[in-house]
Amino acid sequence: MNEIVEPNARTLIAIDQVRDGYALTRRSTRKRFFEPSVFHMGSEVLADEEFNILDKFLRTQHASLVDHLEKNKSNINEVQVSAYHWIQIHTTVEADHFDAAFARR
């Protein structure tokens, strides 16, 4: 199992770039104070697309797994949700989150 989940070199580079984007690898300065927030907003734009790609892949290549996960429920905060719920809601919620960040109040 360790060989399957062990991140490869490209994944480790991406992890470092994300850490840098969120300013986890450097001290934040007044000049660069908002950069992590802007980076996060950018990730919201891409995340729903990534989850849609994952959802489409799972539904076409592993339909029986998706069916099993959708039929099996878990209790989260006293609400029954399918085991596939996390992937399913993230096909839209990230774009909604991005839109909400720019909604006029």
PDB file of N, CA and C in Angstrom:
ATOM      1  N   MET A   1       0.824  -1.197   0.000  1.00  0.00           N
ATOM      2  CA  MET A   1       0.000   0.000   0.000  1.00  0.00           C
ATOM      3  C   MET A   1       0.866   1.259   0.000  1.00  0.00           C
ATOM      4  N   ASN A   2       1.993   1.226   0.706  1.00  0.00           N
ATOM      5  CA  ASN A   2       2.863   2.400   0.758  1.00  0.00           C
ATOM      6  C   ASN A   2       3.350   2.811  -0.628  1.00  0.00           C
ATOM      7  N   GLU A   3       3.594   1.839  -1.507  1.00  0.00           N
ATOM      8  CA  GLU A   3       4.049   2.164  -2.857  1.00  0.00           C
ATOM      9  C   GLU A   3       2.973   2.875  -3.653  1.00  0.00           C
ATOM     10  N   ILE A   4       1.713   2.536  -3.395  1.00  0.00           N
ATOM     11  CA  ILE A   4       0.610   3.146  -4.126  1.00  0.00           C
ATOM     12  C   ILE A   4       0.379   4.578  -3.676  1.00  0.00           C
ATOM     13  N   VAL A   5       0.456   4.838  -2.384  1.00  0.00           N
ATOM     14  CA  VAL A   5       0.131   6.164  -1.859  1.00  0.00           C
ATOM     15  C   VAL A   5       1.357   7.057  -1.663  1.00  0.00           C
ATOM     16  N   GLU A   6       2.527   6.523  -1.873  1.00  0.00           N
ATOM     17  CA  GLU A   6       3.751   7.321  -1.728  1.00  0.00           C
ATOM     18  C   GLU A   6       3.784   8.392  -2.813  1.00  0.00           C
ATOM     19  N   PRO A   7       3.858   9.672  -2.435  1.00  0.00           N
ATOM     20  CA  PRO A   7       3.868  10.723  -3.452  1.00  0.00           C
ATOM     21  C   PRO A   7       5.140  10.667  -4.302  1.00  0.00           C
ATOM     22  N   ASN A   8       4.971  10.853  -5.598  1.00  0.00           N
ATOM     23  CA  ASN A   8       6.132  10.863  -6.489  1.00  0.00           C
ATOM     24  C   ASN A   8       6.754  12.260  -6.498  1.00  0.00           C
ATOM     25  N   ALA A   9       7.822  12.418  -7.247  1.00  0.00           N
ATOM     26  CA  ALA A   9       8.566  13.689  -7.261  1.00  0.00           C
ATOM     27  C   ALA A   9       7.695  14.852  -7.719  1.00  0.00           C
ATOM     28  N   ARG A  10       6.865  14.645  -8.741  1.00  0.00           N
ATOM     29  CA  ARG A  10       6.008  15.727  -9.249  1.00  0.00           C
ATOM     30  C   ARG A  10       4.981  16.147  -8.199  1.00  0.00           C
ATOM     31  N   THR A  11       4.452  15.174  -7.472  1.00  0.00           N
ATOM     32  CA  THR A  11       3.484  15.483  -6.417  1.00  0.00           C
ATOM     33  C   THR A  11       4.154  16.270  -5.300  1.00  0.00           C
ATOM     34  N   LEU A  12       5.364  15.889  -4.929  1.00  0.00           N
ATOM     35  CA  LEU A  12       6.089  16.610  -3.874  1.00  0.00           C
ATOM     36  C   LEU A  12       6.385  18.049  -4.292  1.00  0.00           C
ATOM     37  N   ILE A  13       6.695  18.259  -5.560  1.00  0.00           N
ATOM     38  CA  ILE A  13       6.911  19.619  -6.072  1.00  0.00           C
ATOM     39  C   ILE A  13       5.612  20.415  -5.974  1.00  0.00           C
ATOM     40  N   ALA A  14       4.498  19.795  -6.374  1.00  0.00           N
ATOM     41  CA  ALA A  14       3.197  20.477  -6.305  1.00  0.00           C
ATOM     42  C   ALA A  14       2.851  20.826  -4.858  1.00  0.00           C
ATOM     43  N   ILE A  15       3.115  19.918  -3.937  1.00  0.00           N
ATOM     44  CA  ILE A  15       2.852  20.187  -2.517  1.00  0.00           C
ATOM     45  C   ILE A  15       3.660  21.389  -2.049  1.00  0.00           C
ATOM     46  N   ASP A  16       4.924  21.442  -2.426  1.00  0.00           N
ATOM     47  CA  ASP A  16       5.767  22.595  -2.055  1.00  0.00           C
ATOM     48  C   ASP A  16       5.223  23.890  -2.647  1.00  0.00           C
ATOM     49  N   GLN A  17       4.740  23.839  -3.885  1.00  0.00           N
ATOM     50  CA  GLN A  17       4.197  25.041  -4.522  1.00  0.00           C
ATOM     51  C   GLN A  17       2.909  25.496  -3.839  1.00  0.00           C
ATOM     52  N   VAL A  18       2.080  24.559  -3.421  1.00  0.00           N
ATOM     53  CA  VAL A  18       0.859  24.921  -2.693  1.00  0.00           C
ATOM     54  C   VAL A  18       1.220  25.531  -1.340  1.00  0.00           C
ATOM     55  N   ARG A  19       2.162  24.933  -0.642  1.00  0.00           N
ATOM     56  CA  ARG A  19       2.612  25.499   0.644  1.00  0.00           C
ATOM     57  C   ARG A  19       3.124  26.931   0.459  1.00  0.00           C
ATOM     58  N   ASP A  20       3.856  27.147  -0.623  1.00  0.00           N
ATOM     59  CA  ASP A  20       4.355  28.491  -0.894  1.00  0.00           C
ATOM     60  C   ASP A  20       3.206  29.434  -1.234  1.00  0.00           C
ATOM     61  N   GLY A  21       2.230  28.961  -1.997  1.00  0.00           N
ATOM     62  CA  GLY A  21       1.074  29.786  -2.361  1.00  0.00           C
ATOM     63  C   GLY A  21       0.282  30.248  -1.144  1.00  0.00           C
ATOM     64  N   TYR A  22       0.182  29.369  -0.147  1.00  0.00           N
ATOM     65  CA  TYR A  22      -0.518  29.729   1.085  1.00  0.00           C
ATOM     66  C   TYR A  22       0.413  30.399   2.097  1.00  0.00           C
ATOM     67  N   ALA A  23       1.646  30.692   1.685  1.00  0.00           N
ATOM     68  CA  ALA A  23       2.649  31.361   2.526  1.00  0.00           C
ATOM     69  C   ALA A  23       2.998  30.540   3.759  1.00  0.00           C
ATOM     70  N   LEU A  24       2.972  29.230   3.641  1.00  0.00           N
ATOM     71  CA  LEU A  24       3.333  28.367   4.764  1.00  0.00           C
ATOM     72  C   LEU A  24       4.838  28.177   4.869  1.00  0.00           C
ATOM     73  N   THR A  25       5.550  28.536   3.813  1.00  0.00           N
ATOM     74  CA  THR A  25       6.994  28.325   3.792  1.00  0.00           C
ATOM     75  C   THR A  25       7.776  29.623   3.979  1.00  0.00           C
ATOM     76  N   ARG A  26       7.066  30.710   4.233  1.00  0.00           N
ATOM     77  CA  ARG A  26       7.746  32.007   4.391  1.00  0.00           C
ATOM     78  C   ARG A  26       6.947  32.901   5.334  1.00  0.00           C
ATOM     79  N   ARG A  27       7.632  33.879   5.832  1.00  0.00           N
ATOM     80  CA  ARG A  27       6.953  34.852   6.685  1.00  0.00           C
ATOM     81  C   ARG A  27       6.145  35.795   5.810  1.00  0.00           C
ATOM     82  N   SER A  28       4.979  36.104   6.283  1.00  0.00           N
ATOM     83  CA  SER A  28       4.140  37.043   5.550  1.00  0.00           C
ATOM     84  C   SER A  28       4.593  38.468   5.876  1.00  0.00           C
ATOM     85  N   THR A  29       4.677  39.284   4.852  1.00  0.00           N
ATOM     86  CA  THR A  29       5.037  40.683   5.041  1.00  0.00           C
ATOM     87  C   THR A  29       3.812  41.540   4.742  1.00  0.00           C
ATOM     88  N   ARG A  30       3.870  42.786   5.149  1.00  0.00           N
ATOM     89  CA  ARG A  30       2.755  43.691   4.868  1.00  0.00           C
ATOM     90  C   ARG A  30       2.479  43.762   3.374  1.00  0.00           C
ATOM     91  N   LYS A  31       3.547  43.809   2.589  1.00  0.00           N
ATOM     92  CA  LYS A  31       3.402  43.900   1.136  1.00  0.00           C
ATOM     93  C   LYS A  31       2.745  42.640   0.567  1.00  0.00           C
ATOM     94  N   ARG A  32       3.015  41.471   1.147  1.00  0.00           N
ATOM     95  CA  ARG A  32       2.521  40.197   0.612  1.00  0.00           C
ATOM     96  C   ARG A  32       1.392  39.617   1.467  1.00  0.00           C
ATOM     97  N   PHE A  33       0.745  40.456   2.271  1.00  0.00           N
ATOM     98  CA  PHE A  33      -0.254  40.000   3.229  1.00  0.00           C
ATOM     99  C   PHE A  33      -1.438  39.281   2.583  1.00  0.00           C
ATOM    100  N   PHE A  34      -1.926  39.769   1.446  1.00  0.00           N
ATOM    101  CA  PHE A  34      -3.127  39.214   0.820  1.00  0.00           C
ATOM    102  C   PHE A  34      -2.852  38.086  -0.178  1.00  0.00           C
ATOM    103  N   GLU A  35      -1.588  37.827  -0.472  1.00  0.00           N
ATOM    104  CA  GLU A  35      -1.275  36.792  -1.459  1.00  0.00           C
ATOM    105  C   GLU A  35      -1.877  35.427  -1.134  1.00  0.00           C
ATOM    106  N   PRO A  36      -1.796  34.936   0.109  1.00  0.00           N
ATOM    107  CA  PRO A  36      -2.407  33.629   0.394  1.00  0.00           C
ATOM    108  C   PRO A  36      -3.919  33.610   0.144  1.00  0.00           C
ATOM    109  N   SER A  37      -4.621  34.704   0.436  1.00  0.00           N
ATOM    110  CA  SER A  37      -6.062  34.753   0.177  1.00  0.00           C
ATOM    111  C   SER A  37      -6.354  34.711  -1.318  1.00  0.00           C
ATOM    112  N   VAL A  38      -5.572  35.423  -2.094  1.00  0.00           N
ATOM    113  CA  VAL A  38      -5.749  35.421  -3.547  1.00  0.00           C
ATOM    114  C   VAL A  38      -5.439  34.023  -4.101  1.00  0.00           C
ATOM    115  N   PHE A  39      -4.398  33.401  -3.575  1.00  0.00           N
ATOM    116  CA  PHE A  39      -4.068  32.038  -3.991  1.00  0.00           C
ATOM    117  C   PHE A  39      -5.231  31.093  -3.686  1.00  0.00           C
ATOM    118  N   HIS A  40      -5.817  31.234  -2.512  1.00  0.00           N
ATOM    119  CA  HIS A  40      -6.944  30.387  -2.127  1.00  0.00           C
ATOM    120  C   HIS A  40      -8.143  30.608  -3.049  1.00  0.00           C
ATOM    121  N   MET A  41      -8.426  31.857  -3.383  1.00  0.00           N
ATOM    122  CA  MET A  41      -9.539  32.132  -4.304  1.00  0.00           C
ATOM    123  C   MET A  41      -9.285  31.471  -5.653  1.00  0.00           C
ATOM    124  N   GLY A  42      -8.046  31.512  -6.105  1.00  0.00           N
ATOM    125  CA  GLY A  42      -7.709  30.845  -7.360  1.00  0.00           C
ATOM    126  C   GLY A  42      -7.926  29.338  -7.279  1.00  0.00           C
ATOM    127  N   SER A  43      -7.632  28.769  -6.119  1.00  0.00           N
ATOM    128  CA  SER A  43      -7.836  27.325  -5.969  1.00  0.00           C
ATOM    129  C   SER A  43      -9.315  26.967  -5.977  1.00  0.00           C
ATOM    130  N   GLU A  44     -10.168  27.877  -5.515  1.00  0.00           N
ATOM    131  CA  GLU A  44     -11.615  27.633  -5.536  1.00  0.00           C
ATOM    132  C   GLU A  44     -12.125  27.535  -6.973  1.00  0.00           C
ATOM    133  N   VAL A  45     -11.580  28.350  -7.847  1.00  0.00           N
ATOM    134  CA  VAL A  45     -11.995  28.345  -9.249  1.00  0.00           C
ATOM    135  C   VAL A  45     -11.668  27.000  -9.896  1.00  0.00           C
ATOM    136  N   LEU A  46     -10.522  26.438  -9.551  1.00  0.00           N
ATOM    137  CA  LEU A  46     -10.084  25.193 -10.181  1.00  0.00           C
ATOM    138  C   LEU A  46     -10.649  23.946  -9.502  1.00  0.00           C
ATOM    139  N   ALA A  47     -10.971  24.038  -8.218  1.00  0.00           N
ATOM    140  CA  ALA A  47     -11.346  22.849  -7.453  1.00  0.00           C
ATOM    141  C   ALA A  47     -12.609  22.177  -7.976  1.00  0.00           C
ATOM    142  N   ASP A  48     -13.626  22.952  -8.334  1.00  0.00           N
ATOM    143  CA  ASP A  48     -14.847  22.300  -8.817  1.00  0.00           C
ATOM    144  C   ASP A  48     -14.573  21.556 -10.123  1.00  0.00           C
ATOM    145  N   GLU A  49     -13.712  22.110 -10.960  1.00  0.00           N
ATOM    146  CA  GLU A  49     -13.350  21.421 -12.204  1.00  0.00           C
ATOM    147  C   GLU A  49     -12.605  20.118 -11.893  1.00  0.00           C
ATOM    148  N   GLU A  50     -11.700  20.168 -10.916  1.00  0.00           N
ATOM    149  CA  GLU A  50     -10.958  18.973 -10.532  1.00  0.00           C
ATOM    150  C   GLU A  50     -11.898  17.894  -9.994  1.00  0.00           C
ATOM    151  N   PHE A  51     -12.866  18.295  -9.155  1.00  0.00           N
ATOM    152  CA  PHE A  51     -13.807  17.317  -8.616  1.00  0.00           C
ATOM    153  C   PHE A  51     -14.740  16.777  -9.705  1.00  0.00           C
ATOM    154  N   ASN A  52     -15.081  17.598 -10.688  1.00  0.00           N
ATOM    155  CA  ASN A  52     -15.880  17.104 -11.815  1.00  0.00           C
ATOM    156  C   ASN A  52     -15.103  16.071 -12.624  1.00  0.00           C
ATOM    157  N   ILE A  53     -13.819  16.308 -12.817  1.00  0.00           N
ATOM    158  CA  ILE A  53     -12.972  15.339 -13.526  1.00  0.00           C
ATOM    159  C   ILE A  53     -12.904  14.035 -12.726  1.00  0.00           C
ATOM    160  N   LEU A  54     -12.691  14.153 -11.409  1.00  0.00           N
ATOM    161  CA  LEU A  54     -12.641  12.968 -10.553  1.00  0.00           C
ATOM    162  C   LEU A  54     -13.970  12.221 -10.575  1.00  0.00           C
ATOM    163  N   ASP A  55     -15.073  12.948 -10.458  1.00  0.00           N
ATOM    164  CA  ASP A  55     -16.399  12.338 -10.472  1.00  0.00           C
ATOM    165  C   ASP A  55     -16.646  11.602 -11.796  1.00  0.00           C
ATOM    166  N   LYS A  56     -16.330  12.250 -12.903  1.00  0.00           N
ATOM    167  CA  LYS A  56     -16.538  11.623 -14.217  1.00  0.00           C
ATOM    168  C   LYS A  56     -15.681  10.367 -14.352  1.00  0.00           C
ATOM    169  N   PHE A  57     -14.430  10.445 -13.923  1.00  0.00           N
ATOM    170  CA  PHE A  57     -13.541   9.281 -13.981  1.00  0.00           C
ATOM    171  C   PHE A  57     -14.092   8.130 -13.151  1.00  0.00           C
ATOM    172  N   LEU A  58     -14.475   8.424 -11.916  1.00  0.00           N
ATOM    173  CA  LEU A  58     -14.983   7.366 -11.043  1.00  0.00           C
ATOM    174  C   LEU A  58     -16.275   6.761 -11.595  1.00  0.00           C
ATOM    175  N   ARG A  59     -17.155   7.607 -12.102  1.00  0.00           N
ATOM    176  CA  ARG A  59     -18.430   7.104 -12.620  1.00  0.00           C
ATOM    177  C   ARG A  59     -18.257   6.272 -13.893  1.00  0.00           C
ATOM    178  N   THR A  60     -17.261   6.597 -14.718  1.00  0.00           N
ATOM    179  CA  THR A  60     -17.069   5.836 -15.956  1.00  0.00           C
ATOM    180  C   THR A  60     -16.138   4.631 -15.772  1.00  0.00           C
ATOM    181  N   GLN A  61     -15.125   4.772 -14.934  1.00  0.00           N
ATOM    182  CA  GLN A  61     -14.139   3.701 -14.778  1.00  0.00           C
ATOM    183  C   GLN A  61     -14.387   2.798 -13.568  1.00  0.00           C
ATOM    184  N   HIS A  62     -15.147   3.302 -12.589  1.00  0.00           N
ATOM    185  CA  HIS A  62     -15.378   2.545 -11.355  1.00  0.00           C
ATOM    186  C   HIS A  62     -16.825   2.725 -10.896  1.00  0.00           C
ATOM    187  N   ALA A  63     -17.738   2.480 -11.821  1.00  0.00           N
ATOM    188  CA  ALA A  63     -19.156   2.707 -11.541  1.00  0.00           C
ATOM    189  C   ALA A  63     -19.664   1.882 -10.366  1.00  0.00           C
ATOM    190  N   SER A  64     -19.190   0.665 -10.229  1.00  0.00           N
ATOM    191  CA  SER A  64     -19.655  -0.168  -9.115  1.00  0.00           C
ATOM    192  C   SER A  64     -19.188   0.396  -7.772  1.00  0.00           C
ATOM    193  N   LEU A  65     -18.006   0.987  -7.736  1.00  0.00           N
ATOM    194  CA  LEU A  65     -17.522   1.625  -6.506  1.00  0.00           C
ATOM    195  C   LEU A  65     -18.401   2.820  -6.160  1.00  0.00           C
ATOM    196  N   VAL A  66     -18.690   3.665  -7.149  1.00  0.00           N
ATOM    197  CA  VAL A  66     -19.546   4.830  -6.914  1.00  0.00           C
ATOM    198  C   VAL A  66     -20.920   4.382  -6.435  1.00  0.00           C
ATOM    199  N   ASP A  67     -21.467   3.360  -7.070  1.00  0.00           N
ATOM    200  CA  ASP A  67     -22.771   2.834  -6.666  1.00  0.00           C
ATOM    201  C   ASP A  67     -22.739   2.365  -5.209  1.00  0.00           C
ATOM    202  N   HIS A  68     -21.704   1.644  -4.860  1.00  0.00           N
ATOM    203  CA  HIS A  68     -21.553   1.172  -3.475  1.00  0.00           C
ATOM    204  C   HIS A  68     -21.447   2.346  -2.496  1.00  0.00           C
ATOM    205  N   LEU A  69     -20.632   3.325  -2.829  1.00  0.00           N
ATOM    206  CA  LEU A  69     -20.446   4.486  -1.943  1.00  0.00           C
ATOM    207  C   LEU A  69     -21.725   5.308  -1.822  1.00  0.00           C
ATOM    208  N   GLU A  70     -22.473   5.422  -2.916  1.00  0.00           N
ATOM    209  CA  GLU A  70     -23.722   6.183  -2.866  1.00  0.00           C
ATOM    210  C   GLU A  70     -24.789   5.471  -2.035  1.00  0.00           C
ATOM    211  N   LYS A  71     -24.783   4.156  -2.047  1.00  0.00           N
ATOM    212  CA  LYS A  71     -25.781   3.397  -1.296  1.00  0.00           C
ATOM    213  C   LYS A  71     -25.474   3.304   0.192  1.00  0.00           C
ATOM    214  N   ASN A  72     -24.203   3.404   0.548  1.00  0.00           N
ATOM    215  CA  ASN A  72     -23.806   3.295   1.954  1.00  0.00           C
ATOM    216  C   ASN A  72     -23.782   4.670   2.593  1.00  0.00           C
ATOM    217  N   LYS A  73     -24.439   4.765   3.722  1.00  0.00           N
ATOM    218  CA  LYS A  73     -24.595   6.046   4.408  1.00  0.00           C
ATOM    219  C   LYS A  73     -23.708   6.113   5.641  1.00  0.00           C
ATOM    220  N   SER A  74     -23.299   7.314   5.952  1.00  0.00           N
ATOM    221  CA  SER A  74     -22.553   7.601   7.176  1.00  0.00           C
ATOM    222  C   SER A  74     -23.300   8.685   7.931  1.00  0.00           C
ATOM    223  N   ASN A  75     -23.157   8.675   9.221  1.00  0.00           N
ATOM    224  CA  ASN A  75     -23.803   9.675  10.056  1.00  0.00           C
ATOM    225  C   ASN A  75     -22.803  10.802  10.323  1.00  0.00           C
ATOM    226  N   ILE A  76     -23.077  11.972   9.768  1.00  0.00           N
ATOM    227  CA  ILE A  76     -22.215  13.139   9.970  1.00  0.00           C
ATOM    228  C   ILE A  76     -23.068  14.238  10.587  1.00  0.00           C
ATOM    229  N   ASN A  77     -22.721  14.626  11.783  1.00  0.00           N
ATOM    230  CA  ASN A  77     -23.502  15.627  12.519  1.00  0.00           C
ATOM    231  C   ASN A  77     -24.982  15.262  12.558  1.00  0.00           C
ATOM    232  N   GLU A  78     -25.228  14.002  12.832  1.00  0.00           N
ATOM    233  CA  GLU A  78     -26.588  13.476  12.974  1.00  0.00           C
ATOM    234  C   GLU A  78     -27.399  13.508  11.673  1.00  0.00           C
ATOM    235  N   VAL A  79     -26.711  13.591  10.544  1.00  0.00           N
ATOM    236  CA  VAL A  79     -27.364  13.565   9.232  1.00  0.00           C
ATOM    237  C   VAL A  79     -26.787  12.381   8.448  1.00  0.00           C
ATOM    238  N   GLN A  80     -27.659  11.602   7.833  1.00  0.00           N
ATOM    239  CA  GLN A  80     -27.224  10.478   7.013  1.00  0.00           C
ATOM    240  C   GLN A  80     -26.836  10.975   5.618  1.00  0.00           C
ATOM    241  N   VAL A  81     -25.601  10.736   5.235  1.00  0.00           N
ATOM    242  CA  VAL A  81     -25.131  11.116   3.902  1.00  0.00           C
ATOM    243  C   VAL A  81     -24.401   9.927   3.292  1.00  0.00           C
ATOM    244  N   SER A  82     -24.389   9.881   1.967  1.00  0.00           N
ATOM    245  CA  SER A  82     -23.690   8.789   1.297  1.00  0.00           C
ATOM    246  C   SER A  82     -22.184   8.950   1.484  1.00  0.00           C
ATOM    247  N   ALA A  83     -21.491   7.843   1.380  1.00  0.00           N
ATOM    248  CA  ALA A  83     -20.032   7.868   1.481  1.00  0.00           C
ATOM    249  C   ALA A  83     -19.403   8.618   0.302  1.00  0.00           C
ATOM    250  N   TYR A  84     -20.175   8.845  -0.746  1.00  0.00           N
ATOM    251  CA  TYR A  84     -19.704   9.564  -1.936  1.00  0.00           C
ATOM    252  C   TYR A  84     -20.013  11.064  -1.848  1.00  0.00           C
ATOM    253  N   HIS A  85     -20.674  11.463  -0.798  1.00  0.00           N
ATOM    254  CA  HIS A  85     -21.170  12.836  -0.647  1.00  0.00           C
ATOM    255  C   HIS A  85     -20.074  13.890  -0.827  1.00  0.00           C
ATOM    256  N   TRP A  86     -18.913  13.660  -0.229  1.00  0.00           N
ATOM    257  CA  TRP A  86     -17.829  14.648  -0.277  1.00  0.00           C
ATOM    258  C   TRP A  86     -17.445  14.971  -1.711  1.00  0.00           C
ATOM    259  N   ILE A  87     -17.285  13.960  -2.532  1.00  0.00           N
ATOM    260  CA  ILE A  87     -16.931  14.194  -3.933  1.00  0.00           C
ATOM    261  C   ILE A  87     -18.089  14.862  -4.663  1.00  0.00           C
ATOM    262  N   GLN A  88     -19.283  14.345  -4.450  1.00  0.00           N
ATOM    263  CA  GLN A  88     -20.457  14.861  -5.148  1.00  0.00           C
ATOM    264  C   GLN A  88     -20.687  16.349  -4.884  1.00  0.00           C
ATOM    265  N   ILE A  89     -20.631  16.783  -3.621  1.00  0.00           N
ATOM    266  CA  ILE A  89     -20.912  18.193  -3.341  1.00  0.00           C
ATOM    267  C   ILE A  89     -19.809  19.114  -3.837  1.00  0.00           C
ATOM    268  N   HIS A  90     -18.589  18.597  -3.925  1.00  0.00           N
ATOM    269  CA  HIS A  90     -17.494  19.457  -4.353  1.00  0.00           C
ATOM    270  C   HIS A  90     -17.444  19.683  -5.859  1.00  0.00           C
ATOM    271  N   THR A  91     -18.352  19.061  -6.597  1.00  0.00           N
ATOM    272  CA  THR A  91     -18.426  19.359  -8.033  1.00  0.00           C
ATOM    273  C   THR A  91     -19.059  20.729  -8.268  1.00  0.00           C
ATOM    274  N   THR A  92     -19.701  21.305  -7.236  1.00  0.00           N
ATOM    275  CA  THR A  92     -20.304  22.638  -7.374  1.00  0.00           C
ATOM    276  C   THR A  92     -19.959  23.583  -6.236  1.00  0.00           C
ATOM    277  N   VAL A  93     -19.741  23.093  -5.048  1.00  0.00           N
ATOM    278  CA  VAL A  93     -19.614  23.967  -3.881  1.00  0.00           C
ATOM    279  C   VAL A  93     -18.397  24.891  -3.954  1.00  0.00           C
ATOM    280  N   GLU A  94     -17.321  24.454  -4.572  1.00  0.00           N
ATOM    281  CA  GLU A  94     -16.132  25.301  -4.649  1.00  0.00           C
ATOM    282  C   GLU A  94     -16.390  26.530  -5.518  1.00  0.00           C
ATOM    283  N   ALA A  95     -17.084  26.354  -6.636  1.00  0.00           N
ATOM    284  CA  ALA A  95     -17.424  27.505  -7.479  1.00  0.00           C
ATOM    285  C   ALA A  95     -18.366  28.442  -6.739  1.00  0.00           C
ATOM    286  N   ASP A  96     -19.304  27.878  -5.988  1.00  0.00           N
ATOM    287  CA  ASP A  96     -20.213  28.703  -5.181  1.00  0.00           C
ATOM    288  C   ASP A  96     -19.436  29.481  -4.127  1.00  0.00           C
ATOM    289  N   HIS A  97     -18.447  28.833  -3.527  1.00  0.00           N
ATOM    290  CA  HIS A  97     -17.607  29.480  -2.515  1.00  0.00           C
ATOM    291  C   HIS A  97     -16.850  30.658  -3.120  1.00  0.00           C
ATOM    292  N   PHE A  98     -16.307  30.462  -4.317  1.00  0.00           N
ATOM    293  CA  PHE A  98     -15.607  31.534  -5.010  1.00  0.00           C
ATOM    294  C   PHE A  98     -16.559  32.689  -5.302  1.00  0.00           C
ATOM    295  N   ASP A  99     -17.734  32.383  -5.836  1.00  0.00           N
ATOM    296  CA  ASP A  99     -18.721  33.419  -6.138  1.00  0.00           C
ATOM    297  C   ASP A  99     -19.120  34.198  -4.878  1.00  0.00           C
ATOM    298  N   ALA A 100     -19.275  33.498  -3.774  1.00  0.00           N
ATOM    299  CA  ALA A 100     -19.677  34.141  -2.517  1.00  0.00           C
ATOM    300  C   ALA A 100     -18.608  35.121  -2.033  1.00  0.00           C
ATOM    301  N   ALA A 101     -17.354  34.827  -2.334  1.00  0.00           N
ATOM    302  CA  ALA A 101     -16.275  35.712  -1.906  1.00  0.00           C
ATOM    303  C   ALA A 101     -16.359  37.080  -2.583  1.00  0.00           C
ATOM    304  N   PHE A 102     -16.991  37.128  -3.761  1.00  0.00           N
ATOM    305  CA  PHE A 102     -17.088  38.375  -4.497  1.00  0.00           C
ATOM    306  C   PHE A 102     -18.485  38.977  -4.477  1.00  0.00           C
ATOM    307  N   ALA A 103     -19.405  38.345  -3.774  1.00  0.00           N
ATOM    308  CA  ALA A 103     -20.776  38.868  -3.706  1.00  0.00           C
ATOM    309  C   ALA A 103     -20.773  40.186  -2.937  1.00  0.00           C
ATOM    310  N   ARG A 104     -21.520  41.127  -3.448  1.00  0.00           N
ATOM    311  CA  ARG A 104     -21.630  42.418  -2.756  1.00  0.00           C
ATOM    312  C   ARG A 104     -22.533  42.244  -1.556  1.00  0.00           C
ATOM    313  N   ARG A 105     -22.149  42.842  -0.498  1.00  0.00           N
ATOM    314  CA  ARG A 105     -22.917  42.709   0.752  1.00  0.00           C
ATOM    315  C   ARG A 105     -23.613  44.000   1.050  1.00  0.00           C
TER     316      ARG A 105
END
